[in-house]
């Protein structure tokens, strides 16, 4: 399974990359929303883990563009961000996020959520997770 990690903070991308590669996932990375859309088109990831606040194009705009394109609409997206206000979470859901995790996050929980999304995909589910879990 291939995962695209998108964040303009290099240490966050690296943490996500190391954490998920240890679990056997293939990782590709991007640092802006615009680059994320390019990588989604070229790399065809099975999942995207994306920050909200980024230069050029924020994660919510990139997410909305992904979800409006039939070629990429079915790719699950985990928003991983410091924007934790209720209104931010609501905007994430409205934009099509499958999961919304706030920073700082527990890498073990990220792994759990990634496995859950892939498990649901294999079972043919189309679950959206409402996680009020502190991470």
N, C-alpha and C. Protein backbone atom coordinates (compact mmCIF):
# COMPACT_ATOMS: atom_id res chain seq x y z
N UNK A 1 0.84 -1.18 0.00
CA UNK A 1 0.00 0.00 0.00
C UNK A 1 0.88 1.25 0.00
N UNK A 2 0.52 2.20 -0.82
CA UNK A 2 1.30 3.43 -0.96
C UNK A 2 0.55 4.58 -0.27
N UNK A 3 1.29 5.35 0.52
CA UNK A 3 0.74 6.47 1.26
C UNK A 3 1.50 7.74 0.89
N UNK A 4 0.74 8.81 0.64
CA UNK A 4 1.33 10.12 0.39
C UNK A 4 1.23 10.94 1.67
N UNK A 5 2.38 11.39 2.21
CA UNK A 5 2.43 12.24 3.40
C UNK A 5 2.70 13.67 2.93
N UNK A 6 1.82 14.61 3.33
CA UNK A 6 1.92 15.99 2.86
C UNK A 6 1.96 16.94 4.05
N UNK A 7 3.06 17.66 4.20
CA UNK A 7 3.20 18.65 5.27
C UNK A 7 4.38 19.53 4.92
N UNK A 8 4.28 20.83 5.21
CA UNK A 8 5.41 21.72 4.93
C UNK A 8 6.45 21.67 6.03
N UNK A 9 6.15 21.00 7.13
CA UNK A 9 7.12 20.81 8.21
C UNK A 9 7.85 19.49 7.98
N UNK A 10 9.13 19.61 7.59
CA UNK A 10 9.91 18.42 7.23
C UNK A 10 9.95 17.37 8.34
N UNK A 11 10.03 17.80 9.61
CA UNK A 11 10.12 16.82 10.70
C UNK A 11 8.81 16.04 10.86
N UNK A 12 7.68 16.64 10.54
CA UNK A 12 6.40 15.93 10.62
C UNK A 12 6.33 14.89 9.49
N UNK A 13 6.71 15.30 8.28
CA UNK A 13 6.71 14.36 7.15
C UNK A 13 7.62 13.19 7.47
N UNK A 14 8.78 13.49 8.03
CA UNK A 14 9.75 12.42 8.35
C UNK A 14 9.19 11.48 9.42
N UNK A 15 8.53 12.04 10.45
CA UNK A 15 7.93 11.20 11.50
C UNK A 15 6.86 10.29 10.91
N UNK A 16 5.98 10.84 10.08
CA UNK A 16 4.94 10.03 9.44
C UNK A 16 5.58 8.96 8.56
N UNK A 17 6.59 9.36 7.80
CA UNK A 17 7.27 8.44 6.89
C UNK A 17 7.91 7.28 7.65
N UNK A 18 8.70 7.59 8.67
CA UNK A 18 9.38 6.54 9.44
C UNK A 18 8.36 5.63 10.12
N UNK A 19 7.34 6.23 10.72
CA UNK A 19 6.33 5.46 11.45
C UNK A 19 5.63 4.47 10.52
N UNK A 20 5.21 4.93 9.36
CA UNK A 20 4.44 4.07 8.46
C UNK A 20 5.32 3.12 7.65
N UNK A 21 6.54 3.51 7.34
CA UNK A 21 7.45 2.59 6.66
C UNK A 21 7.79 1.40 7.56
N UNK A 22 7.90 1.65 8.88
CA UNK A 22 8.16 0.55 9.82
C UNK A 22 7.04 -0.49 9.77
N UNK A 23 5.84 -0.05 9.39
CA UNK A 23 4.69 -0.94 9.30
C UNK A 23 4.57 -1.60 7.93
N UNK A 24 5.54 -1.30 7.05
CA UNK A 24 5.56 -1.95 5.74
C UNK A 24 4.90 -1.17 4.62
N UNK A 25 4.47 0.06 4.88
CA UNK A 25 3.85 0.87 3.84
C UNK A 25 4.92 1.58 3.01
N UNK A 26 4.62 1.81 1.75
CA UNK A 26 5.49 2.60 0.87
C UNK A 26 5.05 4.05 1.01
N UNK A 27 6.02 4.96 1.22
CA UNK A 27 5.70 6.37 1.42
C UNK A 27 6.27 7.23 0.32
N UNK A 28 5.46 8.20 -0.12
CA UNK A 28 5.92 9.28 -0.97
C UNK A 28 5.54 10.56 -0.23
N UNK A 29 6.25 11.65 -0.50
CA UNK A 29 6.01 12.87 0.27
C UNK A 29 5.82 14.08 -0.63
N UNK A 30 5.17 15.10 -0.05
CA UNK A 30 4.98 16.39 -0.70
C UNK A 30 4.97 17.44 0.39
N UNK A 31 5.23 18.70 0.01
CA UNK A 31 5.30 19.75 1.03
C UNK A 31 4.28 20.88 0.83
N UNK A 32 3.48 20.81 -0.24
CA UNK A 32 2.43 21.81 -0.47
C UNK A 32 1.19 21.11 -1.01
N UNK A 33 0.06 21.78 -0.94
CA UNK A 33 -1.17 21.22 -1.50
C UNK A 33 -1.06 21.01 -3.00
N UNK A 34 -0.43 21.96 -3.68
CA UNK A 34 -0.26 21.84 -5.13
C UNK A 34 0.60 20.62 -5.47
N UNK A 35 1.70 20.44 -4.74
CA UNK A 35 2.57 19.28 -4.97
C UNK A 35 1.81 17.99 -4.63
N UNK A 36 0.96 18.04 -3.61
CA UNK A 36 0.17 16.87 -3.24
C UNK A 36 -0.71 16.43 -4.40
N UNK A 37 -1.38 17.38 -5.07
CA UNK A 37 -2.24 17.03 -6.20
C UNK A 37 -1.43 16.43 -7.34
N UNK A 38 -0.22 16.96 -7.57
CA UNK A 38 0.66 16.40 -8.60
C UNK A 38 1.05 14.97 -8.26
N UNK A 39 1.40 14.73 -6.97
CA UNK A 39 1.83 13.39 -6.55
C UNK A 39 0.65 12.41 -6.57
N UNK A 40 -0.54 12.89 -6.22
CA UNK A 40 -1.72 12.02 -6.27
C UNK A 40 -1.92 11.54 -7.71
N UNK A 41 -1.76 12.45 -8.67
CA UNK A 41 -1.93 12.09 -10.08
C UNK A 41 -0.84 11.15 -10.57
N UNK A 42 0.41 11.40 -10.17
CA UNK A 42 1.52 10.61 -10.70
C UNK A 42 1.78 9.32 -9.93
N UNK A 43 1.57 9.34 -8.62
CA UNK A 43 1.93 8.20 -7.77
C UNK A 43 0.75 7.27 -7.46
N UNK A 44 -0.47 7.76 -7.63
CA UNK A 44 -1.68 6.97 -7.35
C UNK A 44 -1.63 6.32 -5.96
N UNK A 45 -1.52 7.13 -4.89
CA UNK A 45 -1.45 6.54 -3.54
C UNK A 45 -2.79 5.91 -3.13
N UNK A 46 -2.71 4.99 -2.16
CA UNK A 46 -3.90 4.34 -1.62
C UNK A 46 -4.50 5.17 -0.49
N UNK A 47 -3.72 6.12 0.05
CA UNK A 47 -4.13 6.94 1.18
C UNK A 47 -3.28 8.20 1.18
N UNK A 48 -3.87 9.32 1.65
CA UNK A 48 -3.13 10.56 1.79
C UNK A 48 -3.25 11.01 3.25
N UNK A 49 -2.11 11.38 3.86
CA UNK A 49 -2.07 11.99 5.19
C UNK A 49 -1.60 13.42 4.94
N UNK A 50 -2.49 14.43 5.23
CA UNK A 50 -2.20 15.78 4.79
C UNK A 50 -2.47 16.83 5.88
N UNK A 51 -1.55 17.79 5.96
CA UNK A 51 -1.69 18.95 6.84
C UNK A 51 -2.70 19.92 6.22
N UNK A 52 -3.23 20.82 7.05
CA UNK A 52 -4.13 21.86 6.54
C UNK A 52 -3.33 23.10 6.15
N UNK A 53 -2.54 23.62 7.07
CA UNK A 53 -1.84 24.89 6.83
C UNK A 53 -0.53 24.66 6.09
N UNK A 54 -0.54 25.03 4.79
CA UNK A 54 0.65 24.89 3.94
C UNK A 54 0.70 26.05 2.96
N UNK A 55 1.90 26.36 2.45
CA UNK A 55 2.01 27.43 1.46
C UNK A 55 1.42 27.00 0.11
N UNK A 56 1.19 27.99 -0.75
CA UNK A 56 0.68 27.82 -2.11
C UNK A 56 -0.80 27.42 -2.13
N UNK A 57 -1.11 26.26 -1.58
CA UNK A 57 -2.49 25.77 -1.53
C UNK A 57 -2.63 25.00 -0.23
N UNK A 58 -3.63 25.36 0.59
CA UNK A 58 -3.75 24.64 1.86
C UNK A 58 -4.35 23.25 1.65
N UNK A 59 -4.27 22.46 2.70
CA UNK A 59 -4.72 21.07 2.62
C UNK A 59 -6.20 20.92 2.35
N UNK A 60 -7.02 21.83 2.88
CA UNK A 60 -8.47 21.72 2.65
C UNK A 60 -8.81 21.99 1.19
N UNK A 61 -8.12 22.94 0.57
CA UNK A 61 -8.34 23.20 -0.85
C UNK A 61 -7.89 22.01 -1.70
N UNK A 62 -6.72 21.46 -1.36
CA UNK A 62 -6.23 20.28 -2.08
C UNK A 62 -7.19 19.11 -1.90
N UNK A 63 -7.69 18.92 -0.68
CA UNK A 63 -8.64 17.85 -0.40
C UNK A 63 -9.91 18.03 -1.23
N UNK A 64 -10.44 19.25 -1.26
CA UNK A 64 -11.66 19.51 -2.03
C UNK A 64 -11.44 19.21 -3.52
N UNK A 65 -10.28 19.58 -4.05
CA UNK A 65 -9.98 19.30 -5.46
C UNK A 65 -9.88 17.79 -5.70
N UNK A 66 -9.24 17.07 -4.75
CA UNK A 66 -9.16 15.61 -4.88
C UNK A 66 -10.55 14.99 -4.90
N UNK A 67 -11.41 15.42 -3.98
CA UNK A 67 -12.73 14.81 -3.84
C UNK A 67 -13.67 15.19 -4.99
N UNK A 68 -13.37 16.30 -5.70
CA UNK A 68 -14.22 16.70 -6.82
C UNK A 68 -13.80 16.03 -8.13
N UNK A 69 -12.66 15.37 -8.13
CA UNK A 69 -12.15 14.69 -9.33
C UNK A 69 -12.50 13.20 -9.24
N UNK A 70 -13.29 12.68 -10.17
CA UNK A 70 -13.68 11.27 -10.11
C UNK A 70 -12.48 10.31 -10.06
N UNK A 71 -11.35 10.71 -10.63
CA UNK A 71 -10.16 9.84 -10.64
C UNK A 71 -9.53 9.71 -9.26
N UNK A 72 -9.76 10.70 -8.37
CA UNK A 72 -9.11 10.68 -7.06
C UNK A 72 -10.10 10.75 -5.89
N UNK A 73 -11.38 10.86 -6.18
CA UNK A 73 -12.39 11.06 -5.14
C UNK A 73 -12.44 9.93 -4.12
N UNK A 74 -12.10 8.72 -4.52
CA UNK A 74 -12.22 7.58 -3.60
C UNK A 74 -10.98 7.37 -2.73
N UNK A 75 -9.92 8.15 -2.94
CA UNK A 75 -8.72 7.99 -2.12
C UNK A 75 -9.00 8.53 -0.72
N UNK A 76 -8.85 7.70 0.33
CA UNK A 76 -9.08 8.20 1.68
C UNK A 76 -8.02 9.22 2.08
N UNK A 77 -8.46 10.22 2.88
CA UNK A 77 -7.56 11.28 3.31
C UNK A 77 -7.68 11.48 4.82
N UNK A 78 -6.53 11.42 5.49
CA UNK A 78 -6.44 11.76 6.91
C UNK A 78 -5.85 13.16 6.99
N UNK A 79 -6.59 14.08 7.59
CA UNK A 79 -6.06 15.42 7.83
C UNK A 79 -5.30 15.36 9.15
N UNK A 80 -4.06 15.78 9.14
CA UNK A 80 -3.20 15.76 10.32
C UNK A 80 -2.73 17.19 10.54
N UNK A 81 -3.30 17.88 11.53
CA UNK A 81 -3.09 19.32 11.61
C UNK A 81 -3.16 19.87 13.02
N UNK A 82 -2.59 21.04 13.18
CA UNK A 82 -2.66 21.74 14.46
C UNK A 82 -3.98 22.51 14.59
N UNK A 83 -4.73 22.62 13.51
CA UNK A 83 -6.01 23.36 13.54
C UNK A 83 -7.07 22.48 14.18
N UNK A 84 -7.31 22.73 15.47
CA UNK A 84 -8.16 21.83 16.25
C UNK A 84 -9.47 22.44 16.72
N UNK A 85 -9.78 23.66 16.31
CA UNK A 85 -11.05 24.26 16.68
C UNK A 85 -12.19 23.47 16.03
N UNK A 86 -13.36 23.46 16.68
CA UNK A 86 -14.51 22.76 16.12
C UNK A 86 -14.79 23.18 14.68
N UNK A 87 -14.67 24.49 14.41
CA UNK A 87 -14.94 24.99 13.06
C UNK A 87 -13.94 24.42 12.05
N UNK A 88 -12.68 24.24 12.48
CA UNK A 88 -11.66 23.66 11.59
C UNK A 88 -11.98 22.21 11.28
N UNK A 89 -12.35 21.46 12.32
CA UNK A 89 -12.70 20.05 12.15
C UNK A 89 -13.90 19.94 11.22
N UNK A 90 -14.90 20.80 11.43
CA UNK A 90 -16.10 20.78 10.59
C UNK A 90 -15.74 21.05 9.13
N UNK A 91 -14.87 22.04 8.89
CA UNK A 91 -14.43 22.32 7.51
C UNK A 91 -13.72 21.11 6.91
N UNK A 92 -12.95 20.40 7.73
CA UNK A 92 -12.29 19.19 7.25
C UNK A 92 -13.28 18.14 6.81
N UNK A 93 -14.31 17.92 7.61
CA UNK A 93 -15.35 16.95 7.25
C UNK A 93 -16.07 17.41 5.98
N UNK A 94 -16.42 18.71 5.93
CA UNK A 94 -17.12 19.25 4.76
C UNK A 94 -16.30 19.09 3.48
N UNK A 95 -15.00 19.19 3.61
CA UNK A 95 -14.12 19.07 2.44
C UNK A 95 -13.92 17.63 2.00
N UNK A 96 -14.33 16.68 2.83
CA UNK A 96 -14.25 15.28 2.44
C UNK A 96 -13.24 14.45 3.19
N UNK A 97 -12.70 14.95 4.29
CA UNK A 97 -11.71 14.18 5.06
C UNK A 97 -12.36 12.90 5.60
N UNK A 98 -11.61 11.83 5.59
CA UNK A 98 -12.09 10.57 6.16
C UNK A 98 -11.77 10.52 7.65
N UNK A 99 -10.74 11.24 8.05
CA UNK A 99 -10.29 11.25 9.43
C UNK A 99 -9.61 12.58 9.70
N UNK A 100 -9.71 13.07 10.92
CA UNK A 100 -9.12 14.36 11.25
C UNK A 100 -8.36 14.18 12.56
N UNK A 101 -7.04 14.21 12.50
CA UNK A 101 -6.20 14.07 13.69
C UNK A 101 -5.49 15.39 13.96
N UNK A 102 -5.36 15.72 15.24
CA UNK A 102 -4.70 16.98 15.57
C UNK A 102 -3.29 16.74 16.10
N UNK A 103 -2.41 17.71 15.79
CA UNK A 103 -1.03 17.70 16.29
C UNK A 103 -1.03 18.34 17.67
N UNK A 104 -0.18 17.92 18.57
CA UNK A 104 0.74 16.78 18.40
C UNK A 104 -0.05 15.48 18.38
N UNK A 105 0.48 14.51 17.65
CA UNK A 105 -0.22 13.24 17.50
C UNK A 105 0.66 12.10 18.00
N UNK A 106 -0.01 11.01 18.33
CA UNK A 106 0.68 9.81 18.76
C UNK A 106 0.89 8.94 17.52
N UNK A 107 2.15 8.68 17.13
CA UNK A 107 2.39 7.88 15.93
C UNK A 107 1.70 6.51 15.95
N UNK A 108 1.60 5.89 17.12
CA UNK A 108 0.93 4.58 17.21
C UNK A 108 -0.55 4.70 16.85
N UNK A 109 -1.17 5.82 17.23
CA UNK A 109 -2.58 6.01 16.86
C UNK A 109 -2.73 6.23 15.37
N UNK A 110 -1.78 6.95 14.76
CA UNK A 110 -1.83 7.12 13.32
C UNK A 110 -1.79 5.76 12.63
N UNK A 111 -0.91 4.89 13.08
CA UNK A 111 -0.82 3.54 12.51
C UNK A 111 -2.15 2.81 12.65
N UNK A 112 -2.76 2.90 13.82
CA UNK A 112 -4.05 2.24 14.07
C UNK A 112 -5.10 2.74 13.09
N UNK A 113 -5.15 4.06 12.89
CA UNK A 113 -6.15 4.63 12.00
C UNK A 113 -5.89 4.27 10.54
N UNK A 114 -4.63 4.24 10.13
CA UNK A 114 -4.28 3.85 8.77
C UNK A 114 -4.71 2.40 8.55
N UNK A 115 -4.41 1.53 9.49
CA UNK A 115 -4.80 0.12 9.36
C UNK A 115 -6.31 -0.02 9.30
N UNK A 116 -7.02 0.79 10.08
CA UNK A 116 -8.49 0.72 10.10
C UNK A 116 -9.05 1.16 8.74
N UNK A 117 -8.50 2.21 8.17
CA UNK A 117 -8.97 2.66 6.86
C UNK A 117 -8.73 1.58 5.81
N UNK A 118 -7.53 0.99 5.81
CA UNK A 118 -7.24 -0.05 4.82
C UNK A 118 -8.10 -1.29 5.06
N UNK A 119 -8.37 -1.61 6.30
CA UNK A 119 -9.22 -2.74 6.64
C UNK A 119 -10.64 -2.51 6.12
N UNK A 120 -11.15 -1.30 6.30
CA UNK A 120 -12.49 -0.97 5.81
C UNK A 120 -12.55 -1.02 4.30
N UNK A 121 -11.47 -0.57 3.63
CA UNK A 121 -11.42 -0.63 2.17
C UNK A 121 -11.51 -2.06 1.69
N UNK A 122 -10.79 -2.96 2.37
CA UNK A 122 -10.80 -4.36 1.98
C UNK A 122 -12.16 -4.99 2.19
N UNK A 123 -12.89 -4.52 3.19
CA UNK A 123 -14.21 -5.05 3.48
C UNK A 123 -15.29 -4.38 2.65
N UNK A 124 -14.88 -3.42 1.82
CA UNK A 124 -15.85 -2.73 0.99
C UNK A 124 -16.61 -1.65 1.71
N UNK A 125 -16.15 -1.28 2.89
CA UNK A 125 -16.83 -0.24 3.66
C UNK A 125 -16.49 1.14 3.15
N UNK A 126 -17.31 2.09 3.52
CA UNK A 126 -17.07 3.48 3.17
C UNK A 126 -17.24 4.29 4.44
N UNK A 127 -16.45 3.96 5.43
CA UNK A 127 -16.63 4.55 6.76
C UNK A 127 -15.97 5.93 6.84
N UNK A 128 -16.61 6.78 7.61
CA UNK A 128 -16.04 8.07 7.97
C UNK A 128 -15.92 8.05 9.47
N UNK A 129 -14.79 8.44 9.99
CA UNK A 129 -14.53 8.32 11.42
C UNK A 129 -14.67 9.66 12.11
N UNK A 130 -15.41 9.68 13.18
CA UNK A 130 -15.55 10.87 14.00
C UNK A 130 -14.76 10.59 15.27
N UNK A 131 -13.53 10.99 15.28
CA UNK A 131 -12.67 10.64 16.40
C UNK A 131 -12.42 11.85 17.28
N UNK A 132 -13.00 11.83 18.44
CA UNK A 132 -12.74 12.86 19.43
C UNK A 132 -11.71 12.33 20.41
N UNK A 133 -10.71 11.66 19.86
CA UNK A 133 -9.69 11.02 20.68
C UNK A 133 -8.51 11.97 20.79
N UNK A 134 -8.05 12.28 22.01
CA UNK A 134 -6.87 13.13 22.10
C UNK A 134 -5.66 12.39 21.55
N UNK A 135 -4.94 13.05 20.68
CA UNK A 135 -3.74 12.43 20.09
C UNK A 135 -2.55 13.34 20.25
